Amino acid sequence: MQTIRGTPEDFDAWESMGCTGWGADDVLPFFKKFETDLDFGSGTSENHGGNGPFPIQRLPASDRSKWGPVDAAFYDAAMRMGWAEVPDHNSFER
């Protein structure tokens, strides 16, 4: 299963259209609360939680032994198209 957050710009746009409480700064605490990010969430991370009920972990490109065939094919296709590897899609940095 995968988890990828919406972008901060999307949340801020929703708030600017009237969705009060849906800005990036409003939703980030909830993302942090529900996750234990095993790669970036030491509990002191600005963008990731360390004590939530859902473990989050990335499969590193350097060790593809745990990847499924669809993951590997998707990654290979993205690399062939010139996309760069992004270590943390959920960083919430603007």
N, C-alpha and C. Protein backbone atom coordinates (compact mmCIF):
# COMPACT_ATOMS: atom_id res chain seq x y z
N MET A 1 0.84 -1.16 0.00
CA MET A 1 0.00 0.00 0.00
C MET A 1 0.89 1.24 0.00
N GLN A 2 0.42 2.30 -0.55
CA GLN A 2 1.19 3.53 -0.62
C GLN A 2 0.44 4.67 0.04
N THR A 3 1.20 5.63 0.50
CA THR A 3 0.60 6.85 1.03
C THR A 3 1.36 8.05 0.50
N ILE A 4 0.65 8.92 -0.17
CA ILE A 4 1.24 10.16 -0.67
C ILE A 4 0.26 11.27 -0.34
N ARG A 5 0.75 12.24 0.38
CA ARG A 5 -0.08 13.38 0.77
C ARG A 5 -0.32 14.30 -0.42
N GLY A 6 -1.39 15.07 -0.31
CA GLY A 6 -1.57 16.16 -1.26
C GLY A 6 -0.48 17.20 -1.03
N THR A 7 -0.31 18.08 -1.98
CA THR A 7 0.74 19.10 -1.83
C THR A 7 0.25 20.23 -0.93
N PRO A 8 1.17 20.91 -0.25
CA PRO A 8 0.76 22.05 0.58
C PRO A 8 0.00 23.10 -0.24
N GLU A 9 0.41 23.29 -1.48
CA GLU A 9 -0.26 24.28 -2.34
C GLU A 9 -1.71 23.90 -2.59
N ASP A 10 -1.99 22.61 -2.74
CA ASP A 10 -3.38 22.16 -2.93
C ASP A 10 -4.23 22.46 -1.70
N PHE A 11 -3.71 22.12 -0.53
CA PHE A 11 -4.46 22.38 0.70
C PHE A 11 -4.70 23.87 0.89
N ASP A 12 -3.67 24.68 0.63
CA ASP A 12 -3.83 26.13 0.77
C ASP A 12 -4.84 26.68 -0.24
N ALA A 13 -4.87 26.10 -1.44
CA ALA A 13 -5.84 26.54 -2.45
C ALA A 13 -7.26 26.21 -1.99
N TRP A 14 -7.46 25.02 -1.41
CA TRP A 14 -8.79 24.66 -0.91
C TRP A 14 -9.23 25.65 0.15
N GLU A 15 -8.30 25.98 1.04
CA GLU A 15 -8.66 26.93 2.09
C GLU A 15 -9.01 28.30 1.51
N SER A 16 -8.27 28.72 0.50
CA SER A 16 -8.55 30.03 -0.11
C SER A 16 -9.89 30.05 -0.84
N MET A 17 -10.42 28.87 -1.18
CA MET A 17 -11.72 28.78 -1.83
C MET A 17 -12.85 28.59 -0.83
N GLY A 18 -12.52 28.68 0.47
CA GLY A 18 -13.57 28.62 1.47
C GLY A 18 -13.56 27.40 2.37
N CYS A 19 -12.65 26.48 2.17
CA CYS A 19 -12.59 25.28 3.02
C CYS A 19 -11.78 25.60 4.28
N THR A 20 -12.39 26.33 5.18
CA THR A 20 -11.73 26.76 6.41
C THR A 20 -11.21 25.54 7.17
N GLY A 21 -9.95 25.63 7.61
CA GLY A 21 -9.35 24.55 8.36
C GLY A 21 -8.66 23.50 7.51
N TRP A 22 -8.65 23.71 6.19
CA TRP A 22 -8.02 22.75 5.27
C TRP A 22 -6.72 23.26 4.68
N GLY A 23 -6.16 24.33 5.21
CA GLY A 23 -4.86 24.81 4.76
C GLY A 23 -3.75 23.85 5.16
N ALA A 24 -2.61 23.95 4.53
CA ALA A 24 -1.49 23.05 4.80
C ALA A 24 -1.10 23.07 6.28
N ASP A 25 -1.05 24.25 6.86
CA ASP A 25 -0.67 24.34 8.27
C ASP A 25 -1.72 23.72 9.18
N ASP A 26 -2.96 23.65 8.72
CA ASP A 26 -4.03 23.06 9.52
C ASP A 26 -4.02 21.53 9.46
N VAL A 27 -3.73 20.97 8.29
CA VAL A 27 -3.81 19.51 8.15
C VAL A 27 -2.53 18.79 8.52
N LEU A 28 -1.39 19.47 8.47
CA LEU A 28 -0.12 18.81 8.78
C LEU A 28 -0.11 18.14 10.16
N PRO A 29 -0.63 18.78 11.21
CA PRO A 29 -0.62 18.09 12.51
C PRO A 29 -1.38 16.77 12.51
N PHE A 30 -2.42 16.65 11.67
CA PHE A 30 -3.17 15.41 11.60
C PHE A 30 -2.39 14.32 10.86
N PHE A 31 -1.67 14.70 9.80
CA PHE A 31 -0.81 13.74 9.12
C PHE A 31 0.24 13.21 10.11
N LYS A 32 0.83 14.12 10.86
CA LYS A 32 1.87 13.72 11.82
C LYS A 32 1.31 12.84 12.93
N LYS A 33 0.08 13.12 13.34
CA LYS A 33 -0.53 12.38 14.44
C LYS A 33 -0.81 10.92 14.08
N PHE A 34 -1.18 10.66 12.83
CA PHE A 34 -1.56 9.29 12.50
C PHE A 34 -0.40 8.44 12.01
N GLU A 35 0.79 9.00 11.82
CA GLU A 35 1.87 8.20 11.25
C GLU A 35 3.04 8.01 12.22
N THR A 36 3.71 6.90 12.03
CA THR A 36 5.04 6.68 12.57
C THR A 36 5.92 6.51 11.35
N ASP A 37 6.60 7.56 10.98
CA ASP A 37 7.45 7.53 9.79
C ASP A 37 8.79 6.92 10.18
N LEU A 38 9.04 5.72 9.69
CA LEU A 38 10.23 4.96 10.07
C LEU A 38 11.51 5.50 9.44
N ASP A 39 11.37 6.35 8.42
CA ASP A 39 12.54 6.91 7.76
C ASP A 39 12.83 8.34 8.21
N PHE A 40 11.79 9.15 8.38
CA PHE A 40 11.98 10.56 8.67
C PHE A 40 11.31 11.03 9.96
N GLY A 41 10.61 10.17 10.67
CA GLY A 41 9.82 10.62 11.81
C GLY A 41 10.36 10.23 13.16
N SER A 42 11.41 10.85 13.56
CA SER A 42 12.01 10.54 14.86
C SER A 42 11.17 11.05 16.02
N GLY A 43 10.06 11.69 15.72
CA GLY A 43 9.25 12.29 16.77
C GLY A 43 9.56 13.77 16.93
N THR A 44 10.68 14.21 16.37
CA THR A 44 11.05 15.62 16.43
C THR A 44 11.02 16.25 15.04
N SER A 45 10.57 15.49 14.05
CA SER A 45 10.54 15.97 12.68
C SER A 45 9.48 17.05 12.50
N GLU A 46 9.82 18.05 11.72
CA GLU A 46 8.88 19.14 11.42
C GLU A 46 7.74 18.67 10.53
N ASN A 47 8.00 17.64 9.71
CA ASN A 47 7.02 17.21 8.71
C ASN A 47 6.44 15.82 8.92
N HIS A 48 6.98 15.05 9.87
CA HIS A 48 6.56 13.66 10.01
C HIS A 48 6.35 13.28 11.47
N GLY A 49 5.41 12.37 11.68
CA GLY A 49 5.13 11.89 13.01
C GLY A 49 5.99 10.70 13.38
N GLY A 50 6.11 10.47 14.67
CA GLY A 50 6.90 9.35 15.15
C GLY A 50 6.17 8.45 16.12
N ASN A 51 4.89 8.74 16.40
CA ASN A 51 4.17 7.96 17.42
C ASN A 51 2.76 7.55 17.00
N GLY A 52 2.44 7.62 15.74
CA GLY A 52 1.08 7.31 15.30
C GLY A 52 0.86 5.84 15.03
N PRO A 53 -0.39 5.45 14.76
CA PRO A 53 -0.73 4.04 14.57
C PRO A 53 -0.35 3.46 13.21
N PHE A 54 -0.01 4.31 12.23
CA PHE A 54 0.29 3.81 10.89
C PHE A 54 1.77 3.94 10.58
N PRO A 55 2.49 2.83 10.41
CA PRO A 55 3.90 2.91 10.05
C PRO A 55 4.06 3.30 8.58
N ILE A 56 4.97 4.22 8.33
CA ILE A 56 5.27 4.68 6.98
C ILE A 56 6.75 4.40 6.72
N GLN A 57 7.05 3.75 5.60
CA GLN A 57 8.44 3.48 5.25
C GLN A 57 8.58 3.46 3.75
N ARG A 58 9.69 3.97 3.27
CA ARG A 58 9.97 3.99 1.83
C ARG A 58 10.84 2.80 1.46
N LEU A 59 10.61 2.26 0.29
CA LEU A 59 11.46 1.20 -0.22
C LEU A 59 12.59 1.85 -1.01
N PRO A 60 13.81 1.75 -0.53
CA PRO A 60 14.91 2.47 -1.19
C PRO A 60 15.26 1.89 -2.55
N ALA A 61 15.59 2.78 -3.46
CA ALA A 61 15.98 2.35 -4.80
C ALA A 61 17.29 1.56 -4.76
N SER A 62 18.09 1.79 -3.74
CA SER A 62 19.38 1.10 -3.65
C SER A 62 19.23 -0.38 -3.29
N ASP A 63 18.07 -0.78 -2.74
CA ASP A 63 17.82 -2.18 -2.39
C ASP A 63 16.43 -2.56 -2.89
N ARG A 64 16.40 -3.11 -4.08
CA ARG A 64 15.12 -3.44 -4.71
C ARG A 64 14.66 -4.85 -4.38
N SER A 65 15.28 -5.51 -3.43
CA SER A 65 14.96 -6.90 -3.13
C SER A 65 13.53 -7.07 -2.58
N LYS A 66 12.96 -6.03 -1.99
CA LYS A 66 11.60 -6.11 -1.43
C LYS A 66 10.55 -5.51 -2.35
N TRP A 67 10.95 -5.03 -3.51
CA TRP A 67 10.02 -4.43 -4.45
C TRP A 67 9.23 -5.51 -5.17
N GLY A 68 7.99 -5.20 -5.49
CA GLY A 68 7.21 -6.07 -6.35
C GLY A 68 7.49 -5.73 -7.81
N PRO A 69 7.06 -6.56 -8.74
CA PRO A 69 7.34 -6.33 -10.16
C PRO A 69 6.70 -5.04 -10.70
N VAL A 70 5.55 -4.67 -10.19
CA VAL A 70 4.90 -3.44 -10.65
C VAL A 70 5.70 -2.22 -10.17
N ASP A 71 6.15 -2.25 -8.90
CA ASP A 71 6.96 -1.15 -8.38
C ASP A 71 8.23 -0.97 -9.21
N ALA A 72 8.90 -2.07 -9.50
CA ALA A 72 10.15 -2.01 -10.27
C ALA A 72 9.90 -1.48 -11.68
N ALA A 73 8.84 -1.97 -12.33
CA ALA A 73 8.54 -1.52 -13.69
C ALA A 73 8.18 -0.04 -13.71
N PHE A 74 7.41 0.41 -12.74
CA PHE A 74 7.02 1.82 -12.68
C PHE A 74 8.26 2.69 -12.46
N TYR A 75 9.10 2.30 -11.54
CA TYR A 75 10.32 3.06 -11.26
C TYR A 75 11.22 3.11 -12.49
N ASP A 76 11.44 1.97 -13.13
CA ASP A 76 12.29 1.93 -14.32
C ASP A 76 11.75 2.82 -15.42
N ALA A 77 10.43 2.80 -15.62
CA ALA A 77 9.82 3.63 -16.66
C ALA A 77 9.99 5.12 -16.33
N ALA A 78 9.81 5.48 -15.06
CA ALA A 78 9.97 6.88 -14.66
C ALA A 78 11.41 7.34 -14.87
N MET A 79 12.37 6.49 -14.55
CA MET A 79 13.78 6.85 -14.74
C MET A 79 14.09 7.02 -16.23
N ARG A 80 13.54 6.14 -17.07
CA ARG A 80 13.77 6.24 -18.52
C ARG A 80 13.17 7.52 -19.08
N MET A 81 12.09 8.00 -18.46
CA MET A 81 11.45 9.24 -18.92
C MET A 81 12.15 10.49 -18.40
N GLY A 82 13.15 10.31 -17.55
CA GLY A 82 13.91 11.44 -17.06
C GLY A 82 13.46 12.01 -15.73
N TRP A 83 12.55 11.34 -15.05
CA TRP A 83 12.11 11.82 -13.74
C TRP A 83 13.21 11.58 -12.72
N ALA A 84 13.36 12.48 -11.77
CA ALA A 84 14.36 12.34 -10.71
C ALA A 84 13.75 11.59 -9.53
N GLU A 85 14.58 10.86 -8.83
CA GLU A 85 14.13 10.20 -7.62
C GLU A 85 13.96 11.26 -6.52
N VAL A 86 12.85 11.19 -5.80
CA VAL A 86 12.57 12.13 -4.71
C VAL A 86 12.55 11.32 -3.42
N PRO A 87 13.46 11.61 -2.49
CA PRO A 87 13.55 10.81 -1.26
C PRO A 87 12.31 10.89 -0.38
N ASP A 88 11.59 12.03 -0.40
CA ASP A 88 10.45 12.19 0.51
C ASP A 88 9.35 13.01 -0.15
N HIS A 89 8.40 12.32 -0.75
CA HIS A 89 7.27 13.00 -1.40
C HIS A 89 6.34 13.66 -0.39
N ASN A 90 6.41 13.26 0.85
CA ASN A 90 5.49 13.76 1.87
C ASN A 90 6.12 14.80 2.78
N SER A 91 7.14 15.49 2.32
CA SER A 91 7.86 16.42 3.19
C SER A 91 7.04 17.65 3.57
N PHE A 92 6.07 18.02 2.77
CA PHE A 92 5.22 19.18 3.02
C PHE A 92 5.99 20.49 3.00
N GLU A 93 7.14 20.49 2.37
CA GLU A 93 7.91 21.73 2.24
C GLU A 93 7.37 22.51 1.06
N ARG A 94 7.36 23.82 1.21
CA ARG A 94 6.84 24.68 0.14
C ARG A 94 7.98 25.21 -0.68
